[in-house]
């Protein structure tokens, strides 16, 4: 079964951004962990981001321009981060964040 290129591209970008967000911000709950450990674990997690991000861009390029791929990635990244910071880190998302994210998405 061949899935549409936009669906595959966006799905891979979504999954890669989940790994990226965990790699970049997941350690914030483990402040007692040694920094070198956090760095190495984050690199290990980020590997999977690249395993998904690179094919997403390769598959999507042609259907989307490079600028469109980057824009899609940024919008997904903000969305994933907002959910992650609320669910995992327990941070409240206020209306100011919504306005800021919306303006970034609008600009993109």
N, C-alpha and C. Protein backbone atom coordinates (compact mmCIF):
# COMPACT_ATOMS: atom_id res chain seq x y z
N UNK A 1 0.84 -1.17 0.00
CA UNK A 1 0.00 0.00 0.00
C UNK A 1 0.89 1.24 0.00
N UNK A 2 0.68 2.10 -0.95
CA UNK A 2 1.44 3.35 -1.04
C UNK A 2 0.64 4.48 -0.43
N UNK A 3 1.19 5.07 0.61
CA UNK A 3 0.55 6.21 1.25
C UNK A 3 0.92 7.48 0.50
N UNK A 4 0.06 8.49 0.53
CA UNK A 4 0.38 9.76 -0.13
C UNK A 4 1.64 10.39 0.47
N UNK A 5 2.45 10.98 -0.38
CA UNK A 5 3.71 11.60 0.04
C UNK A 5 3.49 12.63 1.16
N UNK A 6 2.48 13.51 1.06
CA UNK A 6 2.30 14.47 2.16
C UNK A 6 2.03 13.78 3.50
N UNK A 7 1.27 12.71 3.51
CA UNK A 7 0.97 11.99 4.74
C UNK A 7 2.22 11.35 5.33
N UNK A 8 3.02 10.72 4.48
CA UNK A 8 4.27 10.09 4.94
C UNK A 8 5.23 11.15 5.47
N UNK A 9 5.37 12.22 4.73
CA UNK A 9 6.29 13.30 5.12
C UNK A 9 5.89 13.90 6.46
N UNK A 10 4.64 14.27 6.59
CA UNK A 10 4.18 14.90 7.83
C UNK A 10 4.23 13.91 8.99
N UNK A 11 3.90 12.65 8.75
CA UNK A 11 3.99 11.64 9.80
C UNK A 11 5.40 11.45 10.30
N UNK A 12 6.36 11.38 9.37
CA UNK A 12 7.76 11.24 9.76
C UNK A 12 8.27 12.48 10.50
N UNK A 13 7.86 13.66 10.02
CA UNK A 13 8.26 14.89 10.69
C UNK A 13 7.67 14.97 12.10
N UNK A 14 6.45 14.54 12.24
CA UNK A 14 5.81 14.53 13.56
C UNK A 14 6.57 13.60 14.51
N UNK A 15 6.85 12.39 14.06
CA UNK A 15 7.58 11.43 14.90
C UNK A 15 8.98 11.94 15.23
N UNK A 16 9.66 12.51 14.24
CA UNK A 16 11.02 13.01 14.50
C UNK A 16 11.00 14.14 15.52
N UNK A 17 9.98 14.97 15.48
CA UNK A 17 9.89 16.07 16.43
C UNK A 17 9.59 15.60 17.84
N UNK A 18 8.90 14.49 17.98
CA UNK A 18 8.69 13.92 19.31
C UNK A 18 10.05 13.52 19.89
N UNK A 19 10.86 12.81 19.10
CA UNK A 19 12.20 12.43 19.57
C UNK A 19 13.05 13.66 19.87
N UNK A 20 13.00 14.66 19.00
CA UNK A 20 13.80 15.87 19.19
C UNK A 20 13.42 16.57 20.49
N UNK A 21 12.13 16.70 20.73
CA UNK A 21 11.66 17.39 21.93
C UNK A 21 12.08 16.64 23.19
N UNK A 22 11.96 15.32 23.17
CA UNK A 22 12.39 14.52 24.32
C UNK A 22 13.90 14.66 24.52
N UNK A 23 14.65 14.64 23.43
CA UNK A 23 16.12 14.76 23.53
C UNK A 23 16.52 16.12 24.09
N UNK A 24 15.86 17.17 23.65
CA UNK A 24 16.25 18.52 24.06
C UNK A 24 15.72 18.92 25.42
N UNK A 25 14.52 18.43 25.79
CA UNK A 25 13.88 18.93 27.00
C UNK A 25 13.52 17.87 28.02
N UNK A 26 13.58 16.61 27.67
CA UNK A 26 13.21 15.53 28.58
C UNK A 26 14.05 15.47 29.83
N UNK A 27 15.29 15.87 29.72
CA UNK A 27 16.21 15.81 30.86
C UNK A 27 15.91 16.85 31.94
N UNK A 28 15.04 17.79 31.65
CA UNK A 28 14.76 18.84 32.63
C UNK A 28 14.11 18.29 33.89
N UNK A 29 13.55 17.10 33.81
CA UNK A 29 12.99 16.46 35.01
C UNK A 29 14.06 15.71 35.80
N UNK A 30 15.27 15.63 35.29
CA UNK A 30 16.34 14.86 35.91
C UNK A 30 17.55 15.76 36.18
N UNK A 31 17.33 16.82 36.89
CA UNK A 31 18.40 17.81 37.13
C UNK A 31 19.53 17.27 37.98
N UNK A 32 19.28 16.18 38.72
CA UNK A 32 20.34 15.59 39.55
C UNK A 32 21.28 14.71 38.72
N UNK A 33 20.86 14.33 37.52
CA UNK A 33 21.70 13.48 36.67
C UNK A 33 22.93 14.26 36.22
N UNK A 34 24.08 13.62 36.13
CA UNK A 34 25.29 14.30 35.66
C UNK A 34 25.10 14.82 34.23
N UNK A 35 25.62 15.98 33.97
CA UNK A 35 25.45 16.62 32.66
C UNK A 35 25.96 15.73 31.52
N UNK A 36 27.10 15.08 31.71
CA UNK A 36 27.63 14.24 30.64
C UNK A 36 26.67 13.09 30.32
N UNK A 37 26.02 12.54 31.34
CA UNK A 37 25.04 11.47 31.14
C UNK A 37 23.85 12.00 30.34
N UNK A 38 23.39 13.17 30.73
CA UNK A 38 22.26 13.79 30.03
C UNK A 38 22.61 14.05 28.57
N UNK A 39 23.80 14.53 28.33
CA UNK A 39 24.23 14.81 26.95
C UNK A 39 24.27 13.52 26.13
N UNK A 40 24.87 12.48 26.68
CA UNK A 40 24.97 11.23 25.93
C UNK A 40 23.61 10.59 25.68
N UNK A 41 22.75 10.61 26.68
CA UNK A 41 21.39 10.07 26.49
C UNK A 41 20.64 10.90 25.45
N UNK A 42 20.77 12.21 25.52
CA UNK A 42 20.10 13.08 24.55
C UNK A 42 20.60 12.82 23.14
N UNK A 43 21.89 12.61 22.97
CA UNK A 43 22.43 12.27 21.66
C UNK A 43 21.85 10.96 21.15
N UNK A 44 21.73 9.99 22.05
CA UNK A 44 21.14 8.71 21.67
C UNK A 44 19.70 8.85 21.21
N UNK A 45 18.94 9.68 21.91
CA UNK A 45 17.55 9.92 21.51
C UNK A 45 17.49 10.69 20.20
N UNK A 46 18.37 11.68 20.07
CA UNK A 46 18.38 12.52 18.86
C UNK A 46 18.73 11.71 17.61
N UNK A 47 19.46 10.61 17.79
CA UNK A 47 19.77 9.75 16.64
C UNK A 47 18.48 9.34 15.93
N UNK A 48 17.47 8.99 16.70
CA UNK A 48 16.21 8.55 16.11
C UNK A 48 15.47 9.70 15.43
N UNK A 49 15.70 10.91 15.93
CA UNK A 49 15.14 12.08 15.24
C UNK A 49 15.70 12.14 13.82
N UNK A 50 17.00 11.98 13.69
CA UNK A 50 17.63 12.04 12.38
C UNK A 50 17.20 10.88 11.48
N UNK A 51 17.02 9.71 12.08
CA UNK A 51 16.58 8.54 11.32
C UNK A 51 15.21 8.80 10.68
N UNK A 52 14.40 9.64 11.30
CA UNK A 52 13.08 9.97 10.76
C UNK A 52 13.08 11.27 9.95
N UNK A 53 13.84 12.25 10.40
CA UNK A 53 13.85 13.57 9.76
C UNK A 53 14.45 13.53 8.35
N UNK A 54 15.56 12.85 8.21
CA UNK A 54 16.23 12.81 6.91
C UNK A 54 15.35 12.15 5.84
N UNK A 55 14.76 10.98 6.12
CA UNK A 55 13.85 10.40 5.12
C UNK A 55 12.62 11.27 4.87
N UNK A 56 12.12 11.95 5.90
CA UNK A 56 10.96 12.83 5.71
C UNK A 56 11.29 13.90 4.69
N UNK A 57 12.45 14.51 4.83
CA UNK A 57 12.84 15.56 3.88
C UNK A 57 13.13 15.00 2.49
N UNK A 58 13.76 13.84 2.45
CA UNK A 58 14.07 13.22 1.15
C UNK A 58 12.79 12.84 0.42
N UNK A 59 11.84 12.22 1.14
CA UNK A 59 10.58 11.79 0.54
C UNK A 59 9.73 13.00 0.15
N UNK A 60 9.71 14.01 1.02
CA UNK A 60 8.83 15.16 0.80
C UNK A 60 9.32 16.16 -0.23
N UNK A 61 10.65 16.19 -0.44
CA UNK A 61 11.19 17.18 -1.38
C UNK A 61 10.78 16.81 -2.79
N UNK A 62 10.22 17.75 -3.47
CA UNK A 62 9.65 17.50 -4.79
C UNK A 62 8.15 17.73 -4.71
N UNK A 63 7.54 17.11 -3.71
CA UNK A 63 6.13 17.40 -3.41
C UNK A 63 6.06 18.76 -2.72
N UNK A 64 7.05 19.01 -1.85
CA UNK A 64 7.17 20.28 -1.14
C UNK A 64 8.53 20.88 -1.47
N UNK A 65 8.62 22.20 -1.44
CA UNK A 65 9.93 22.84 -1.58
C UNK A 65 10.66 22.72 -0.24
N UNK A 66 11.95 23.00 -0.24
CA UNK A 66 12.72 22.96 1.01
C UNK A 66 12.15 23.95 2.02
N UNK A 67 11.75 25.13 1.55
CA UNK A 67 11.17 26.12 2.45
C UNK A 67 9.85 25.62 3.04
N UNK A 68 9.06 24.95 2.24
CA UNK A 68 7.81 24.39 2.75
C UNK A 68 8.07 23.28 3.78
N UNK A 69 9.05 22.44 3.51
CA UNK A 69 9.40 21.38 4.46
C UNK A 69 9.83 21.98 5.79
N UNK A 70 10.64 23.02 5.75
CA UNK A 70 11.10 23.67 6.98
C UNK A 70 9.93 24.31 7.72
N UNK A 71 9.03 24.91 6.99
CA UNK A 71 7.86 25.53 7.60
C UNK A 71 6.99 24.49 8.28
N UNK A 72 6.74 23.39 7.59
CA UNK A 72 5.95 22.29 8.17
C UNK A 72 6.63 21.80 9.44
N UNK A 73 7.95 21.62 9.38
CA UNK A 73 8.71 21.12 10.53
C UNK A 73 8.59 22.08 11.71
N UNK A 74 8.67 23.36 11.46
CA UNK A 74 8.60 24.35 12.55
C UNK A 74 7.22 24.38 13.20
N UNK A 75 6.18 24.30 12.41
CA UNK A 75 4.82 24.29 12.95
C UNK A 75 4.60 23.03 13.78
N UNK A 76 5.06 21.90 13.27
CA UNK A 76 4.96 20.64 14.02
C UNK A 76 5.77 20.74 15.31
N UNK A 77 6.97 21.29 15.21
CA UNK A 77 7.84 21.42 16.38
C UNK A 77 7.19 22.23 17.49
N UNK A 78 6.59 23.36 17.15
CA UNK A 78 5.91 24.18 18.15
C UNK A 78 4.72 23.44 18.76
N UNK A 79 3.99 22.73 17.94
CA UNK A 79 2.83 21.99 18.43
C UNK A 79 3.25 20.87 19.37
N UNK A 80 4.26 20.11 18.97
CA UNK A 80 4.76 19.02 19.81
C UNK A 80 5.31 19.58 21.11
N UNK A 81 6.06 20.67 21.03
CA UNK A 81 6.64 21.26 22.23
C UNK A 81 5.57 21.74 23.20
N UNK A 82 4.54 22.38 22.69
CA UNK A 82 3.47 22.88 23.55
C UNK A 82 2.81 21.73 24.32
N UNK A 83 2.52 20.65 23.62
CA UNK A 83 1.90 19.49 24.27
C UNK A 83 2.87 18.86 25.26
N UNK A 84 4.13 18.70 24.87
CA UNK A 84 5.15 18.10 25.74
C UNK A 84 5.34 18.91 27.02
N UNK A 85 5.47 20.21 26.88
CA UNK A 85 5.71 21.04 28.06
C UNK A 85 4.52 21.01 29.00
N UNK A 86 3.33 20.88 28.46
CA UNK A 86 2.12 20.82 29.29
C UNK A 86 1.98 19.44 29.94
N UNK A 87 2.08 18.37 29.14
CA UNK A 87 1.85 17.02 29.65
C UNK A 87 3.02 16.50 30.47
N UNK A 88 4.23 16.60 29.95
CA UNK A 88 5.40 16.00 30.59
C UNK A 88 6.02 16.88 31.67
N UNK A 89 6.18 18.16 31.35
CA UNK A 89 6.82 19.07 32.30
C UNK A 89 5.83 19.72 33.25
N UNK A 90 4.55 19.60 32.95
CA UNK A 90 3.53 20.16 33.82
C UNK A 90 3.46 21.68 33.79
N UNK A 91 3.92 22.27 32.70
CA UNK A 91 3.90 23.73 32.58
C UNK A 91 2.59 24.16 31.93
N UNK A 92 2.04 25.24 32.44
CA UNK A 92 0.79 25.75 31.90
C UNK A 92 1.05 26.51 30.60
N UNK A 93 0.15 26.34 29.68
CA UNK A 93 0.22 27.07 28.42
C UNK A 93 -0.84 28.18 28.52
N UNK A 94 -0.37 29.40 28.58
CA UNK A 94 -1.27 30.54 28.71
C UNK A 94 -1.65 31.12 27.35
N UNK A 95 -2.54 32.06 27.39
CA UNK A 95 -2.98 32.69 26.15
C UNK A 95 -1.83 33.39 25.45
N UNK A 96 -0.85 33.87 26.23
CA UNK A 96 0.31 34.53 25.63
C UNK A 96 1.11 33.55 24.76
N UNK A 97 1.23 32.31 25.25
CA UNK A 97 1.92 31.29 24.45
C UNK A 97 1.14 31.01 23.17
N UNK A 98 -0.17 30.92 23.32
CA UNK A 98 -1.01 30.68 22.14
C UNK A 98 -0.87 31.77 21.10
N UNK A 99 -0.86 33.02 21.55
CA UNK A 99 -0.70 34.15 20.63
C UNK A 99 0.69 34.11 19.99
N UNK A 100 1.72 33.88 20.82
CA UNK A 100 3.08 33.82 20.30
C UNK A 100 3.27 32.70 19.28
N UNK A 101 2.80 31.50 19.62
CA UNK A 101 2.90 30.37 18.70
C UNK A 101 2.12 30.65 17.41
N UNK A 102 0.95 31.25 17.56
CA UNK A 102 0.14 31.56 16.38
C UNK A 102 0.85 32.55 15.46
N UNK A 103 1.48 33.55 16.06
CA UNK A 103 2.20 34.54 15.24
C UNK A 103 3.40 33.89 14.53
N UNK A 104 4.09 33.00 15.24
CA UNK A 104 5.20 32.28 14.60
C UNK A 104 4.69 31.44 13.45
N UNK A 105 3.60 30.70 13.69
CA UNK A 105 3.02 29.86 12.63
C UNK A 105 2.54 30.71 11.46
N UNK A 106 1.93 31.84 11.77
CA UNK A 106 1.45 32.75 10.72
C UNK A 106 2.63 33.27 9.89
N UNK A 107 3.71 33.62 10.58
CA UNK A 107 4.90 34.09 9.88
C UNK A 107 5.53 33.01 9.01
N UNK A 108 5.45 31.79 9.51
CA UNK A 108 6.02 30.67 8.74
C UNK A 108 5.17 30.39 7.53
